[in-house]
Amino acid sequence: MLEPISPQRVIADLNALRALTEDERGAQRVAWGPVWRKTREWFTAKVKTELGLEVARDGAANAWATLKGESARGIVLGSHLDSVPGGGWLDGCLGVLAGLEVLRRYAAAGKPPPVTLHLVDWADEEGARFGRSLTGSAASAGALDPHGELAHLTDRAGVKLPDALAENGVTLDGMNTARAWFDALGAEAYLELHIEQGPVLQAAKKQVGVVLGTMGVERYSLKFIGQAAHSGAAPLHLRQDAFLAAAEFALGAQAVAVKLSGKTPRTRVVATCGVVKVEPNFVTAVPGRTEISIDLRALDARVLAKMLAGAKKVSQAAAKHHRVKVEWSQLQRITPRIFDPTLTRFVTEAVKEATGSAFELPSGPLHDAAEMAAVVPTAMVFAESSPGVSHTRIEDTPVRSLEKSIRAFSSLVDKTVAHLAAGRQLGASRRRAA
């Protein structure tokens, strides 16, 4: 007989980790660094002491604890312990420590669970130091080219990523073995609990949310190329002002997003211009060159394609209006990841049991679940963020919302265990070739 889940024990673990790894600026569990290593030592000791299980590392430094079941059919529970510099106390680690509590609960029953449970702490989800996020989960999904994507990366201090990996006993070649490790697990589901990191649940007065999937991303850098000139000597009608073209593009891209965004969380879209670089960049010069970024996100791939087409049309119109040229350069493209319908139904049931309703929303931020959804049936539970911000020291979630999200996650695991133990299947795994 399974004992009830203990949200209080999870919260106590979260507070202990906070005391161990936070300073006045916030959490400092940046991947590949000394505080991150201390975090993992703490986590490994808890797993060993409380469950008698060893924590093993695959070639990408993902940390795995396995509670063997009566069946080799497996469920992976996971998230990440790393943080951004000055981050919050819940981002990522909530999911890992809630997963640890689930393993404690099943181990306390005194017999193996019906199916095997794997708990993973993904390595370098944040990409805070070197810029490549979802590193460990991407390696496990077979979606990472270590030599092509990582070998050239350096941090702000000039340290090369391969050298930082070596400090942690990791090699680029070794990362290529992570997919085979994951395949050997025989995982049939991936489940993740995470804070929302945004204000949607708080605004809707909901404590826990059903995550429909992760938004797709179209991210580009644009260069508007005009002609620099003296601010006093160049008449307005003769200028080729690259900044004004970029500014008109930013407003136009926002208008495209507003037009295509629906009224529900499921259909909302976002567009962001987060980087603007102006040259020559002094007060008496008409800008002759401006670089601007655009980040477009939507859960529906067709809507995302319309957003991109609309943004390109806007850029051409802005360039023509200001007599400049525009060049597009792709930074990143990620397809939307819609989570498994059966598992999402389990999430809906679990959230209703915990809160009385089931509020649905997509995830704008990417999570390790986005990589897993490409290779194994996947689902997520969101806990309310209050205030609705993350990647900052003031990130928080009310205790009641934490408790209910942990209970909902535990119920999701139970439903998935029962489904697999009954010999039933989940959706097609859509596995990529290794």
Protein backbone atom coordinates (compact mmCIF):
# COMPACT_ATOMS: atom_id res chain seq x y z
CA MET A 1 0.00 0.00 0.00
CA LEU A 2 1.44 3.36 -1.02
CA GLU A 3 1.66 6.04 1.64
CA PRO A 4 0.47 9.56 0.72
CA ILE A 5 2.97 11.85 -0.97
CA SER A 6 4.65 14.35 1.38
CA PRO A 7 4.82 17.81 -0.22
CA GLN A 8 6.26 19.11 3.06
CA ARG A 9 9.29 16.84 2.68
CA VAL A 10 9.85 18.14 -0.86
CA ILE A 11 9.63 21.74 0.32
CA ALA A 12 12.07 20.97 3.15
CA ASP A 13 14.51 19.55 0.58
CA LEU A 14 14.08 22.65 -1.59
CA ASN A 15 14.85 24.89 1.36
CA ALA A 16 17.91 22.82 2.26
CA LEU A 17 19.20 23.11 -1.30
CA ARG A 18 18.50 26.84 -1.23
CA ALA A 19 20.57 27.28 1.91
CA LEU A 20 23.40 25.27 0.39
CA THR A 21 23.62 26.98 -3.01
CA GLU A 22 22.16 30.48 -2.78
CA ASP A 23 23.82 33.79 -1.92
CA GLU A 24 22.48 37.33 -1.70
CA ARG A 25 22.13 37.45 -5.49
CA GLY A 26 20.12 34.22 -5.76
CA ALA A 27 20.83 30.63 -6.80
CA GLN A 28 24.31 29.94 -8.18
CA ARG A 29 23.98 26.36 -9.44
CA VAL A 30 25.44 27.14 -12.86
CA ALA A 31 26.22 23.96 -14.80
CA TRP A 32 29.79 22.68 -14.92
CA GLY A 33 30.86 24.91 -12.00
CA PRO A 34 31.76 24.22 -8.36
CA VAL A 35 28.35 25.05 -6.83
CA TRP A 36 26.64 22.76 -9.35
CA ARG A 37 29.04 19.97 -8.43
CA LYS A 38 28.29 20.55 -4.74
CA THR A 39 24.57 20.40 -5.55
CA ARG A 40 24.97 17.05 -7.24
CA GLU A 41 27.05 15.68 -4.37
CA TRP A 42 24.21 16.65 -2.01
CA PHE A 43 21.64 15.05 -4.30
CA THR A 44 23.68 11.86 -4.75
CA ALA A 45 24.10 11.52 -0.98
CA LYS A 46 20.34 11.88 -0.42
CA VAL A 47 19.54 9.21 -2.99
CA LYS A 48 22.12 6.85 -1.48
CA THR A 49 21.18 7.49 2.15
CA GLU A 50 17.41 7.54 1.79
CA LEU A 51 16.86 4.98 -0.97
CA GLY A 52 20.04 2.91 -1.03
CA LEU A 53 20.37 3.66 -4.73
CA GLU A 54 23.46 4.68 -6.67
CA VAL A 55 23.39 7.69 -8.96
CA ALA A 56 24.99 6.93 -12.32
CA ARG A 57 26.07 9.38 -14.99
CA ASP A 58 25.71 8.88 -18.71
CA GLY A 59 28.14 10.31 -21.25
CA ALA A 60 26.46 13.73 -21.24
CA ALA A 61 26.67 13.98 -17.42
CA ASN A 62 22.96 13.41 -16.89
CA ALA A 63 22.55 11.93 -13.38
CA TRP A 64 20.29 8.86 -13.12
CA ALA A 65 18.75 7.00 -10.15
CA THR A 66 16.70 3.89 -10.89
CA LEU A 67 14.14 2.13 -8.69
CA LYS A 68 13.69 -1.24 -10.35
CA GLY A 69 10.15 -2.50 -10.75
CA GLU A 70 8.44 -5.80 -11.31
CA SER A 71 8.49 -4.93 -15.02
CA ALA A 72 11.33 -3.45 -17.06
CA ARG A 73 8.81 -1.08 -18.66
CA GLY A 74 10.04 2.29 -17.53
CA ILE A 75 8.91 5.82 -16.68
CA VAL A 76 11.39 8.69 -16.50
CA LEU A 77 10.77 11.47 -13.99
CA GLY A 78 13.03 14.46 -14.31
CA SER A 79 14.05 18.07 -14.55
CA HIS A 80 17.28 19.93 -13.74
CA LEU A 81 19.26 21.09 -10.71
CA ASP A 82 21.34 23.69 -12.54
CA SER A 83 20.32 27.35 -12.49
CA VAL A 84 21.13 30.66 -14.13
CA PRO A 85 23.42 32.98 -12.14
CA GLY A 86 21.28 34.75 -9.55
CA GLY A 87 18.35 32.47 -10.32
CA GLY A 88 15.41 31.30 -8.24
CA TRP A 89 15.04 28.54 -5.68
CA LEU A 90 12.47 26.47 -7.62
CA ASP A 91 13.43 26.57 -11.30
CA GLY A 92 14.21 22.98 -12.29
CA CYS A 93 14.97 21.63 -8.82
CA LEU A 94 11.25 21.42 -7.94
CA GLY A 95 10.84 18.68 -10.54
CA VAL A 96 13.93 16.74 -9.48
CA LEU A 97 13.08 16.79 -5.77
CA ALA A 98 9.41 16.00 -6.37
CA GLY A 99 10.62 13.04 -8.41
CA LEU A 100 12.85 11.99 -5.53
CA GLU A 101 9.82 12.06 -3.22
CA VAL A 102 7.89 9.86 -5.66
CA LEU A 103 10.72 7.30 -5.55
CA ARG A 104 10.76 7.48 -1.73
CA ARG A 105 7.01 6.84 -1.70
CA TYR A 106 7.22 3.77 -3.93
CA ALA A 107 10.29 2.42 -2.10
CA ALA A 108 8.50 2.74 1.25
CA ALA A 109 5.85 0.26 0.06
CA GLY A 110 8.34 -2.51 0.79
CA LYS A 111 8.12 -4.13 -2.62
CA PRO A 112 9.17 -3.17 -6.16
CA PRO A 113 6.84 -0.84 -8.02
CA PRO A 114 4.84 -2.41 -10.87
CA VAL A 115 7.12 -0.71 -13.43
CA THR A 116 10.64 0.67 -13.24
CA LEU A 117 11.03 4.33 -12.23
CA HIS A 118 14.00 6.37 -13.42
CA LEU A 119 14.81 9.79 -11.92
CA VAL A 120 17.07 12.09 -13.94
CA ASP A 121 18.78 15.39 -13.27
CA TRP A 122 19.49 16.69 -16.76
CA ALA A 123 22.88 18.36 -17.25
CA ASP A 124 23.00 22.02 -18.29
CA GLU A 125 19.34 22.63 -19.05
CA GLU A 126 19.84 26.39 -18.71
CA GLY A 127 22.84 26.91 -20.99
CA ALA A 128 23.63 29.88 -18.77
CA ARG A 129 27.40 29.76 -19.07
CA PHE A 130 27.99 28.75 -22.69
CA GLY A 131 24.68 29.54 -24.39
CA ARG A 132 23.56 26.07 -25.49
CA SER A 133 20.51 25.10 -23.41
CA LEU A 134 18.93 21.63 -23.00
CA THR A 135 22.37 20.10 -23.49
CA GLY A 136 21.92 16.86 -21.57
CA SER A 137 18.38 16.10 -22.67
CA ALA A 138 19.22 16.92 -26.28
CA ALA A 139 22.11 14.46 -26.11
CA SER A 140 19.79 11.78 -24.73
CA ALA A 141 17.28 12.48 -27.49
CA GLY A 142 19.95 12.19 -30.18
CA ALA A 143 19.40 15.83 -31.11
CA LEU A 144 22.85 17.16 -30.22
CA ASP A 145 25.97 17.33 -32.40
CA PRO A 146 28.61 17.81 -29.68
CA HIS A 147 31.52 18.62 -31.98
CA GLY A 148 29.50 20.83 -34.31
CA GLU A 149 27.50 22.67 -31.64
CA LEU A 150 29.71 22.73 -28.55
CA ALA A 151 33.38 22.56 -29.46
CA HIS A 152 33.65 26.26 -30.35
CA LEU A 153 31.72 27.70 -27.39
CA THR A 154 33.43 29.85 -24.74
CA ASP A 155 32.16 31.61 -21.63
CA ARG A 156 32.63 35.29 -20.77
CA ALA A 157 35.96 34.53 -19.12
CA GLY A 158 37.25 32.87 -22.30
CA VAL A 159 37.04 29.31 -20.96
CA LYS A 160 36.28 26.81 -23.70
CA LEU A 161 33.34 24.48 -23.15
CA PRO A 162 35.40 21.31 -23.85
CA ASP A 163 37.77 22.40 -21.06
CA ALA A 164 34.86 22.97 -18.65
CA LEU A 165 33.48 19.56 -19.58
CA ALA A 166 36.87 17.97 -18.90
CA GLU A 167 36.80 19.44 -15.37
CA ASN A 168 33.63 17.40 -14.89
CA GLY A 169 34.88 14.20 -16.48
CA VAL A 170 32.93 14.71 -19.71
CA THR A 171 34.11 14.61 -23.32
CA LEU A 172 32.45 15.61 -26.58
CA ASP A 173 32.82 12.05 -27.86
CA GLY A 174 31.28 10.72 -24.66
CA MET A 175 28.23 12.89 -25.16
CA ASN A 176 27.46 10.90 -28.29
CA THR A 177 26.82 7.83 -26.12
CA ALA A 178 23.96 9.41 -24.16
CA ARG A 179 21.32 8.39 -26.72
CA ALA A 180 22.29 4.73 -26.48
CA TRP A 181 22.12 4.97 -22.68
CA PHE A 182 18.63 6.41 -22.89
CA ASP A 183 17.45 3.80 -25.38
CA ALA A 184 18.72 1.04 -23.09
CA LEU A 185 16.37 2.25 -20.35
CA GLY A 186 13.35 1.21 -22.36
CA ALA A 187 11.52 4.34 -21.24
CA GLU A 188 7.88 4.53 -22.31
CA ALA A 189 6.98 7.89 -20.72
CA TYR A 190 8.63 11.07 -19.54
CA LEU A 191 6.95 13.17 -16.82
CA GLU A 192 8.10 16.56 -15.55
CA LEU A 193 6.94 19.02 -12.88
CA HIS A 194 8.13 22.62 -13.28
CA ILE A 195 7.17 26.10 -12.19
CA GLU A 196 5.40 28.05 -14.91
CA GLN A 197 7.99 30.89 -14.87
CA GLY A 198 5.35 33.30 -16.18
CA PRO A 199 2.19 35.10 -15.01
CA VAL A 200 -0.58 33.15 -16.77
CA LEU A 201 -1.64 30.87 -13.89
CA GLN A 202 -1.39 33.69 -11.38
CA ALA A 203 -3.52 35.98 -13.55
CA ALA A 204 -6.10 33.20 -13.94
CA LYS A 205 -6.02 32.55 -10.17
CA LYS A 206 -5.00 28.92 -10.75
CA GLN A 207 -2.47 27.10 -8.59
CA VAL A 208 -1.59 24.26 -10.98
CA GLY A 209 -1.76 23.98 -14.77
CA VAL A 210 -2.03 21.33 -17.47
CA VAL A 211 0.77 21.88 -19.99
CA LEU A 212 -0.34 21.23 -23.57
CA GLY A 213 3.14 21.29 -25.06
CA THR A 214 6.05 23.63 -25.69
CA MET A 215 5.81 26.42 -28.22
CA GLY A 216 7.76 26.26 -31.43
CA VAL A 217 10.41 28.93 -31.96
CA GLU A 218 11.57 30.89 -35.00
CA ARG A 219 14.56 33.05 -33.99
CA TYR A 220 16.50 35.30 -36.37
CA SER A 221 18.94 38.16 -36.47
CA LEU A 222 18.17 40.92 -38.99
CA LYS A 223 20.60 43.50 -40.34
CA PHE A 224 19.24 46.74 -41.73
CA ILE A 225 21.96 48.40 -43.81
CA GLY A 226 21.65 52.06 -44.75
CA GLN A 227 24.12 54.94 -44.78
CA ALA A 228 25.65 56.66 -41.76
CA ALA A 229 25.57 60.45 -41.97
CA HIS A 230 26.03 63.63 -39.92
CA SER A 231 22.89 64.32 -37.88
CA GLY A 232 23.01 68.02 -38.70
CA ALA A 233 23.95 67.82 -42.36
CA ALA A 234 21.63 65.04 -43.60
CA PRO A 235 18.08 66.22 -44.42
CA LEU A 236 15.32 63.93 -43.18
CA HIS A 237 14.00 63.13 -46.65
CA LEU A 238 17.44 62.04 -47.90
CA ARG A 239 18.43 59.81 -44.99
CA GLN A 240 18.91 56.05 -45.10
CA ASP A 241 18.29 55.50 -41.39
CA ALA A 242 18.82 51.83 -40.48
CA PHE A 243 17.57 52.26 -36.92
CA LEU A 244 14.22 53.71 -37.98
CA ALA A 245 13.77 50.75 -40.33
CA ALA A 246 14.53 48.35 -37.48
CA ALA A 247 12.16 50.21 -35.15
CA GLU A 248 9.38 50.09 -37.74
CA PHE A 249 10.05 46.36 -38.15
CA ALA A 250 9.81 45.77 -34.38
CA LEU A 251 6.44 47.51 -34.19
CA GLY A 252 5.21 45.73 -37.31
CA ALA A 253 6.25 42.29 -36.06
CA GLN A 254 4.43 42.98 -32.81
CA ALA A 255 1.31 43.93 -34.78
CA VAL A 256 1.52 40.65 -36.72
CA ALA A 257 1.69 38.72 -33.44
CA VAL A 258 -1.26 40.62 -31.98
CA LYS A 259 -3.32 39.87 -35.09
CA LEU A 260 -2.55 36.14 -35.01
CA SER A 261 -2.76 35.64 -31.25
CA GLY A 262 -5.90 33.93 -29.98
CA LYS A 263 -7.89 34.72 -26.86
CA THR A 264 -7.04 31.53 -24.95
CA PRO A 265 -3.70 30.34 -23.51
CA ARG A 266 -3.74 27.52 -26.06
CA THR A 267 -3.81 29.95 -29.01
CA ARG A 268 -1.71 32.84 -27.74
CA VAL A 269 1.53 33.70 -29.52
CA VAL A 270 4.47 35.97 -28.66
CA ALA A 271 6.99 38.04 -30.60
CA THR A 272 10.04 39.64 -29.02
CA CYS A 273 12.83 41.90 -30.27
CA GLY A 274 15.36 41.47 -27.49
CA VAL A 275 18.61 42.67 -29.09
CA VAL A 276 19.27 45.96 -30.89
CA LYS A 277 22.77 47.05 -31.95
CA VAL A 278 23.19 50.41 -33.67
CA GLU A 279 26.21 51.67 -35.61
CA PRO A 280 28.02 54.07 -35.50
CA ASN A 281 26.27 54.52 -32.13
CA PHE A 282 27.02 58.12 -31.23
CA VAL A 283 24.72 61.04 -30.72
CA THR A 284 25.50 63.05 -33.85
CA ALA A 285 25.34 60.20 -36.36
CA VAL A 286 22.41 58.90 -38.38
CA PRO A 287 22.54 55.11 -37.85
CA GLY A 288 23.89 53.43 -40.96
CA ARG A 289 23.59 49.86 -39.72
CA THR A 290 21.28 48.23 -37.17
CA GLU A 291 21.11 44.63 -36.05
CA ILE A 292 17.90 43.47 -34.37
CA SER A 293 16.71 40.07 -33.18
CA ILE A 294 13.25 38.55 -33.52
CA ASP A 295 11.95 35.63 -31.45
CA LEU A 296 8.58 34.24 -32.56
CA ARG A 297 6.73 31.53 -30.60
CA ALA A 298 3.47 29.62 -31.08
CA LEU A 299 2.07 26.22 -30.18
CA ASP A 300 0.51 25.78 -33.64
CA ALA A 301 3.11 25.22 -36.39
CA ARG A 302 0.84 26.75 -39.02
CA VAL A 303 0.38 29.90 -36.99
CA LEU A 304 4.12 30.09 -36.37
CA ALA A 305 4.72 29.90 -40.13
CA LYS A 306 2.24 32.74 -40.68
CA MET A 307 4.01 34.82 -38.06
CA LEU A 308 7.35 34.34 -39.78
CA ALA A 309 5.93 35.17 -43.21
CA GLY A 310 4.26 38.28 -41.80
CA ALA A 311 7.46 39.42 -40.08
CA LYS A 312 9.46 39.02 -43.29
CA LYS A 313 6.88 41.06 -45.20
CA VAL A 314 7.04 43.78 -42.54
CA SER A 315 10.85 43.88 -42.75
CA GLN A 316 10.78 44.39 -46.51
CA ALA A 317 8.24 47.19 -46.19
CA ALA A 318 10.30 48.90 -43.47
CA ALA A 319 13.47 48.61 -45.53
CA LYS A 320 11.77 50.09 -48.58
CA HIS A 321 10.23 52.92 -46.57
CA HIS A 322 13.60 54.00 -45.20
CA ARG A 323 15.62 53.22 -48.36
CA VAL A 324 17.82 50.57 -46.72
CA LYS A 325 18.58 46.90 -47.27
CA VAL A 326 17.62 44.06 -44.93
CA GLU A 327 19.30 40.68 -44.41
CA TRP A 328 17.90 37.76 -42.38
CA SER A 329 20.07 35.19 -40.58
CA GLN A 330 18.54 32.22 -38.76
CA LEU A 331 19.60 31.70 -35.14
CA GLN A 332 17.37 28.82 -34.07
CA ARG A 333 14.31 26.88 -35.21
CA ILE A 334 12.39 24.56 -32.91
CA THR A 335 9.18 22.85 -33.94
CA PRO A 336 6.23 22.92 -31.53
CA ARG A 337 6.09 19.89 -29.24
CA ILE A 338 2.54 18.75 -28.47
CA PHE A 339 2.49 16.42 -25.49
CA ASP A 340 1.07 12.90 -25.55
CA PRO A 341 -2.76 12.98 -25.44
CA THR A 342 -3.15 10.04 -23.05
CA LEU A 343 -0.62 11.44 -20.60
CA THR A 344 -2.14 14.91 -20.94
CA ARG A 345 -5.51 13.39 -20.02
CA PHE A 346 -3.86 11.92 -16.92
CA VAL A 347 -2.47 15.38 -16.09
CA THR A 348 -5.95 16.87 -16.48
CA GLU A 349 -7.44 14.28 -14.13
CA ALA A 350 -4.63 14.71 -11.60
CA VAL A 351 -4.83 18.52 -11.58
CA LYS A 352 -8.62 18.38 -11.17
CA GLU A 353 -8.20 16.04 -8.21
CA ALA A 354 -5.71 18.42 -6.60
CA THR A 355 -7.38 21.77 -7.34
CA GLY A 356 -10.94 21.17 -8.54
CA SER A 357 -10.28 22.42 -12.09
CA ALA A 358 -7.82 21.86 -14.93
CA PHE A 359 -6.49 25.03 -16.53
CA GLU A 360 -4.65 24.42 -19.80
CA LEU A 361 -1.72 26.42 -21.16
CA PRO A 362 1.30 25.96 -23.41
CA SER A 363 4.84 26.46 -22.22
CA GLY A 364 6.54 29.44 -23.81
CA PRO A 365 9.94 28.62 -22.28
CA LEU A 366 11.64 25.47 -23.46
CA HIS A 367 12.15 22.60 -21.04
CA ASP A 368 13.86 19.21 -21.15
CA ALA A 369 10.39 17.87 -21.90
CA ALA A 370 10.63 19.55 -25.30
CA GLU A 371 13.54 17.27 -26.23
CA MET A 372 11.94 14.20 -24.67
CA ALA A 373 8.64 14.75 -26.49
CA ALA A 374 10.40 13.99 -29.77
CA VAL A 375 11.42 10.51 -28.64
CA VAL A 376 9.01 9.30 -25.93
CA PRO A 377 5.44 10.12 -24.83
CA THR A 378 5.73 13.15 -22.57
CA ALA A 379 3.65 15.28 -20.20
CA MET A 380 4.19 18.22 -17.83
CA VAL A 381 2.56 19.78 -14.79
CA PHE A 382 3.04 23.49 -14.06
CA ALA A 383 3.03 25.08 -10.61
CA GLU A 384 1.91 28.69 -10.34
CA SER A 385 4.67 31.31 -10.28
CA SER A 386 3.96 34.25 -7.96
CA PRO A 387 5.19 36.76 -8.89
CA GLY A 388 5.03 35.52 -12.45
CA VAL A 389 8.76 35.78 -13.10
CA SER A 390 11.74 33.44 -13.10
CA HIS A 391 15.51 33.54 -13.64
CA THR A 392 15.65 36.01 -10.78
CA ARG A 393 16.15 35.85 -7.01
CA ILE A 394 12.54 36.91 -6.36
CA GLU A 395 11.12 33.86 -8.17
CA ASP A 396 8.57 32.22 -5.87
CA THR A 397 5.47 30.03 -5.59
CA PRO A 398 2.99 30.02 -2.71
CA VAL A 399 3.33 27.00 -0.41
CA ARG A 400 -0.24 25.89 -1.12
CA SER A 401 0.43 25.92 -4.86
CA LEU A 402 3.63 23.95 -4.38
CA GLU A 403 1.80 21.37 -2.28
CA LYS A 404 -1.00 20.95 -4.80
CA SER A 405 1.38 20.73 -7.77
CA ILE A 406 3.40 18.01 -6.00
CA ARG A 407 0.22 16.05 -5.25
CA ALA A 408 -0.93 16.42 -8.85
CA PHE A 409 2.45 15.21 -10.12
CA SER A 410 2.37 12.20 -7.80
CA SER A 411 -1.12 11.34 -9.03
CA LEU A 412 0.07 11.65 -12.63
CA VAL A 413 2.85 9.17 -11.91
CA ASP A 414 0.37 6.76 -10.28
CA LYS A 415 -1.95 6.91 -13.28
CA THR A 416 0.92 6.32 -15.69
CA VAL A 417 2.25 3.42 -13.62
CA ALA A 418 -1.22 1.81 -13.56
CA HIS A 419 -1.61 2.29 -17.31
CA LEU A 420 1.67 0.56 -18.13
CA ALA A 421 1.25 -2.10 -15.44
CA ALA A 422 -2.04 -3.07 -17.08
CA GLY A 423 -0.15 -3.81 -20.29
CA ARG A 424 -1.47 -0.76 -22.12
CA GLN A 425 0.53 1.32 -24.57
CA LEU A 426 1.08 5.05 -24.90
CA GLY A 427 1.31 7.04 -28.11
CA ALA A 428 3.94 6.43 -30.74
CA SER A 429 7.32 7.48 -29.40
CA ARG A 430 8.34 9.19 -32.64
CA ARG A 431 11.91 8.13 -32.00
CA ARG A 432 14.61 9.83 -34.04
CA ALA A 433 17.31 7.65 -35.48
CA ALA A 434 20.21 7.47 -33.04
